[in-house]
Amino acid sequence: MKVEDIFLTAVEKDTPEERAAYLEIACGADMALRAQIEGLLRAHQDADSLLDQSLFLSVPTEAHLATPEKAGAVIGPYRLLQQL
């Protein structure tokens, strides 16, 4: 069986226990193959959890908006002479 076939079948398993039992049969004594499949499964799960996250943490409020800098303000190595 190819890595891709084992991975695709393992992804379809509903529980971690079912997945582990399947990998035990599919990979047998080949620990390198099992480690490779488990790494792919973790990456797949991490990708799904990343996509489930909100793109924006919160809606910006007036407190989050930058206040206009005034003459004399220092930004990094620069000092503002006047507001444009």
N, C-alpha and C. Protein backbone atom coordinates (compact mmCIF):
# COMPACT_ATOMS: atom_id res chain seq x y z
N MET A 1 0.84 -1.18 0.00
CA MET A 1 0.00 0.00 0.00
C MET A 1 0.89 1.25 0.00
N LYS A 2 0.48 2.27 -0.72
CA LYS A 2 1.24 3.51 -0.80
C LYS A 2 0.90 4.43 0.37
N VAL A 3 1.81 5.33 0.68
CA VAL A 3 1.63 6.30 1.76
C VAL A 3 0.33 7.07 1.56
N GLU A 4 0.10 7.52 0.34
CA GLU A 4 -1.10 8.31 0.05
C GLU A 4 -2.37 7.52 0.36
N ASP A 5 -2.40 6.26 -0.03
CA ASP A 5 -3.58 5.43 0.21
C ASP A 5 -3.84 5.24 1.70
N ILE A 6 -2.77 4.98 2.44
CA ILE A 6 -2.91 4.79 3.89
C ILE A 6 -3.39 6.08 4.54
N PHE A 7 -2.79 7.19 4.16
CA PHE A 7 -3.17 8.49 4.73
C PHE A 7 -4.64 8.79 4.45
N LEU A 8 -5.06 8.65 3.21
CA LEU A 8 -6.44 8.98 2.85
C LEU A 8 -7.45 8.10 3.59
N THR A 9 -7.12 6.85 3.79
CA THR A 9 -8.01 5.97 4.54
C THR A 9 -8.02 6.34 6.01
N ALA A 10 -6.85 6.66 6.56
CA ALA A 10 -6.75 7.03 7.98
C ALA A 10 -7.51 8.31 8.27
N VAL A 11 -7.47 9.26 7.36
CA VAL A 11 -8.17 10.55 7.57
C VAL A 11 -9.68 10.32 7.71
N GLU A 12 -10.19 9.33 7.05
CA GLU A 12 -11.63 9.06 7.08
C GLU A 12 -12.10 8.40 8.38
N LYS A 13 -11.18 7.92 9.20
CA LYS A 13 -11.56 7.27 10.46
C LYS A 13 -12.12 8.32 11.41
N ASP A 14 -13.15 7.94 12.15
CA ASP A 14 -13.86 8.89 13.00
C ASP A 14 -13.16 9.22 14.31
N THR A 15 -12.48 8.24 14.90
CA THR A 15 -11.88 8.46 16.21
C THR A 15 -10.38 8.17 16.16
N PRO A 16 -9.63 8.73 17.09
CA PRO A 16 -8.20 8.42 17.16
C PRO A 16 -7.94 6.92 17.38
N GLU A 17 -8.83 6.27 18.12
CA GLU A 17 -8.67 4.84 18.37
C GLU A 17 -8.81 4.03 17.08
N GLU A 18 -9.82 4.39 16.28
CA GLU A 18 -10.01 3.71 14.98
C GLU A 18 -8.81 3.96 14.07
N ARG A 19 -8.31 5.17 14.09
CA ARG A 19 -7.17 5.52 13.26
C ARG A 19 -5.92 4.72 13.68
N ALA A 20 -5.69 4.63 15.00
CA ALA A 20 -4.54 3.89 15.51
C ALA A 20 -4.65 2.41 15.15
N ALA A 21 -5.84 1.84 15.28
CA ALA A 21 -6.03 0.43 14.93
C ALA A 21 -5.78 0.21 13.45
N TYR A 22 -6.24 1.11 12.62
CA TYR A 22 -6.02 0.99 11.18
C TYR A 22 -4.53 1.08 10.85
N LEU A 23 -3.83 2.05 11.47
CA LEU A 23 -2.40 2.21 11.21
C LEU A 23 -1.62 0.98 11.67
N GLU A 24 -2.06 0.36 12.75
CA GLU A 24 -1.40 -0.86 13.23
C GLU A 24 -1.44 -1.94 12.16
N ILE A 25 -2.57 -2.07 11.50
CA ILE A 25 -2.73 -3.08 10.45
C ILE A 25 -2.02 -2.66 9.17
N ALA A 26 -2.25 -1.40 8.74
CA ALA A 26 -1.73 -0.94 7.46
C ALA A 26 -0.21 -0.80 7.45
N CYS A 27 0.37 -0.38 8.56
CA CYS A 27 1.82 -0.15 8.60
C CYS A 27 2.58 -1.36 9.14
N GLY A 28 1.90 -2.20 9.88
CA GLY A 28 2.56 -3.37 10.44
C GLY A 28 3.75 -2.97 11.29
N ALA A 29 4.89 -3.60 11.06
CA ALA A 29 6.11 -3.35 11.84
C ALA A 29 6.94 -2.21 11.27
N ASP A 30 6.50 -1.59 10.20
CA ASP A 30 7.26 -0.51 9.56
C ASP A 30 7.03 0.80 10.33
N MET A 31 7.88 1.03 11.34
CA MET A 31 7.73 2.21 12.21
C MET A 31 8.00 3.51 11.46
N ALA A 32 8.88 3.49 10.48
CA ALA A 32 9.17 4.70 9.70
C ALA A 32 7.94 5.10 8.89
N LEU A 33 7.27 4.13 8.31
CA LEU A 33 6.05 4.41 7.55
C LEU A 33 4.98 4.96 8.47
N ARG A 34 4.82 4.34 9.63
CA ARG A 34 3.80 4.81 10.57
C ARG A 34 4.10 6.23 11.04
N ALA A 35 5.35 6.52 11.32
CA ALA A 35 5.73 7.87 11.74
C ALA A 35 5.44 8.88 10.63
N GLN A 36 5.69 8.49 9.40
CA GLN A 36 5.42 9.38 8.26
C GLN A 36 3.92 9.66 8.15
N ILE A 37 3.11 8.62 8.26
CA ILE A 37 1.65 8.79 8.17
C ILE A 37 1.15 9.63 9.34
N GLU A 38 1.63 9.37 10.54
CA GLU A 38 1.19 10.15 11.70
C GLU A 38 1.58 11.62 11.56
N GLY A 39 2.74 11.89 10.97
CA GLY A 39 3.14 13.27 10.72
C GLY A 39 2.21 13.95 9.73
N LEU A 40 1.83 13.22 8.70
CA LEU A 40 0.87 13.77 7.72
C LEU A 40 -0.49 14.03 8.37
N LEU A 41 -0.91 13.13 9.24
CA LEU A 41 -2.20 13.30 9.92
C LEU A 41 -2.17 14.52 10.84
N ARG A 42 -1.06 14.73 11.54
CA ARG A 42 -0.94 15.91 12.41
C ARG A 42 -0.96 17.19 11.57
N ALA A 43 -0.24 17.20 10.46
CA ALA A 43 -0.22 18.38 9.59
C ALA A 43 -1.61 18.66 9.04
N HIS A 44 -2.32 17.61 8.70
CA HIS A 44 -3.68 17.76 8.18
C HIS A 44 -4.60 18.35 9.26
N GLN A 45 -4.47 17.86 10.47
CA GLN A 45 -5.29 18.36 11.58
C GLN A 45 -4.94 19.82 11.89
N ASP A 46 -3.65 20.15 11.88
CA ASP A 46 -3.23 21.53 12.15
C ASP A 46 -3.75 22.48 11.07
N ALA A 47 -3.75 22.04 9.83
CA ALA A 47 -4.26 22.88 8.73
C ALA A 47 -5.74 23.13 8.91
N ASP A 48 -6.49 22.11 9.32
CA ASP A 48 -7.92 22.28 9.55
C ASP A 48 -8.19 23.26 10.68
N SER A 49 -7.41 23.14 11.77
CA SER A 49 -7.63 24.03 12.90
C SER A 49 -7.26 25.47 12.54
N LEU A 50 -6.28 25.65 11.69
CA LEU A 50 -5.91 26.99 11.25
C LEU A 50 -7.05 27.62 10.45
N LEU A 51 -7.69 26.84 9.61
CA LEU A 51 -8.79 27.37 8.79
C LEU A 51 -10.04 27.65 9.61
N ASP A 52 -10.17 27.03 10.79
CA ASP A 52 -11.33 27.25 11.65
C ASP A 52 -11.23 28.54 12.43
N GLN A 53 -10.04 29.13 12.50
CA GLN A 53 -9.85 30.35 13.27
C GLN A 53 -10.41 31.55 12.53
N SER A 54 -10.83 32.52 13.30
CA SER A 54 -11.34 33.77 12.73
C SER A 54 -10.19 34.55 12.10
N LEU A 55 -10.46 35.16 10.99
CA LEU A 55 -9.43 35.95 10.31
C LEU A 55 -9.08 37.20 11.11
N PHE A 56 -10.08 37.79 11.76
CA PHE A 56 -9.88 38.99 12.55
C PHE A 56 -10.18 38.69 14.00
N LEU A 57 -9.32 39.17 14.88
CA LEU A 57 -9.52 38.91 16.30
C LEU A 57 -10.72 39.67 16.84
N SER A 58 -10.87 40.90 16.44
CA SER A 58 -12.00 41.69 16.90
C SER A 58 -12.24 42.83 15.92
N VAL A 59 -13.38 43.45 16.07
CA VAL A 59 -13.70 44.61 15.25
C VAL A 59 -12.98 45.80 15.84
N PRO A 60 -12.26 46.56 15.02
CA PRO A 60 -11.55 47.72 15.58
C PRO A 60 -12.52 48.73 16.18
N THR A 61 -12.14 49.26 17.30
CA THR A 61 -12.94 50.29 17.94
C THR A 61 -12.14 51.58 17.93
N GLU A 62 -12.75 52.63 18.40
CA GLU A 62 -12.07 53.92 18.42
C GLU A 62 -10.78 53.84 19.24
N ALA A 63 -10.78 53.02 20.28
CA ALA A 63 -9.59 52.87 21.12
C ALA A 63 -8.45 52.22 20.35
N HIS A 64 -8.78 51.37 19.35
CA HIS A 64 -7.76 50.69 18.57
C HIS A 64 -7.19 51.56 17.45
N LEU A 65 -7.94 52.56 17.05
CA LEU A 65 -7.50 53.40 15.94
C LEU A 65 -6.35 54.30 16.39
N ALA A 66 -5.40 54.49 15.50
CA ALA A 66 -4.24 55.33 15.82
C ALA A 66 -4.67 56.78 15.96
N THR A 67 -4.14 57.43 16.96
CA THR A 67 -4.43 58.84 17.11
C THR A 67 -3.48 59.61 16.21
N PRO A 68 -3.94 60.71 15.63
CA PRO A 68 -3.05 61.47 14.75
C PRO A 68 -1.86 61.99 15.54
N GLU A 69 -0.72 61.88 14.92
CA GLU A 69 0.51 62.37 15.57
C GLU A 69 0.53 63.89 15.47
N LYS A 70 1.05 64.51 16.48
CA LYS A 70 1.10 65.97 16.53
C LYS A 70 2.54 66.44 16.35
N ALA A 71 2.68 67.70 16.05
CA ALA A 71 4.02 68.28 15.91
C ALA A 71 4.80 68.03 17.19
N GLY A 72 6.04 67.62 17.03
CA GLY A 72 6.90 67.34 18.18
C GLY A 72 6.92 65.86 18.57
N ALA A 73 5.98 65.07 18.03
CA ALA A 73 5.94 63.64 18.35
C ALA A 73 7.16 62.95 17.75
N VAL A 74 7.65 61.93 18.43
CA VAL A 74 8.81 61.18 17.96
C VAL A 74 8.33 59.82 17.48
N ILE A 75 8.70 59.48 16.25
CA ILE A 75 8.37 58.18 15.66
C ILE A 75 9.69 57.56 15.24
N GLY A 76 10.11 56.54 15.99
CA GLY A 76 11.41 55.94 15.70
C GLY A 76 12.49 56.99 15.83
N PRO A 77 13.36 57.12 14.85
CA PRO A 77 14.43 58.12 14.94
C PRO A 77 14.00 59.51 14.44
N TYR A 78 12.71 59.67 14.12
CA TYR A 78 12.23 60.92 13.51
C TYR A 78 11.38 61.72 14.48
N ARG A 79 11.47 63.05 14.36
CA ARG A 79 10.62 63.97 15.13
C ARG A 79 9.76 64.74 14.12
N LEU A 80 8.44 64.75 14.35
CA LEU A 80 7.53 65.45 13.45
C LEU A 80 7.63 66.96 13.69
N LEU A 81 7.83 67.68 12.60
CA LEU A 81 7.91 69.14 12.70
C LEU A 81 6.53 69.77 12.63
N GLN A 82 5.67 69.20 11.78
CA GLN A 82 4.31 69.71 11.66
C GLN A 82 3.39 68.60 11.14
N GLN A 83 2.11 68.77 11.40
CA GLN A 83 1.14 67.80 10.91
C GLN A 83 0.75 68.17 9.50
N LEU A 84 0.69 67.17 8.63
CA LEU A 84 0.33 67.44 7.23
C LEU A 84 -1.16 67.42 7.05
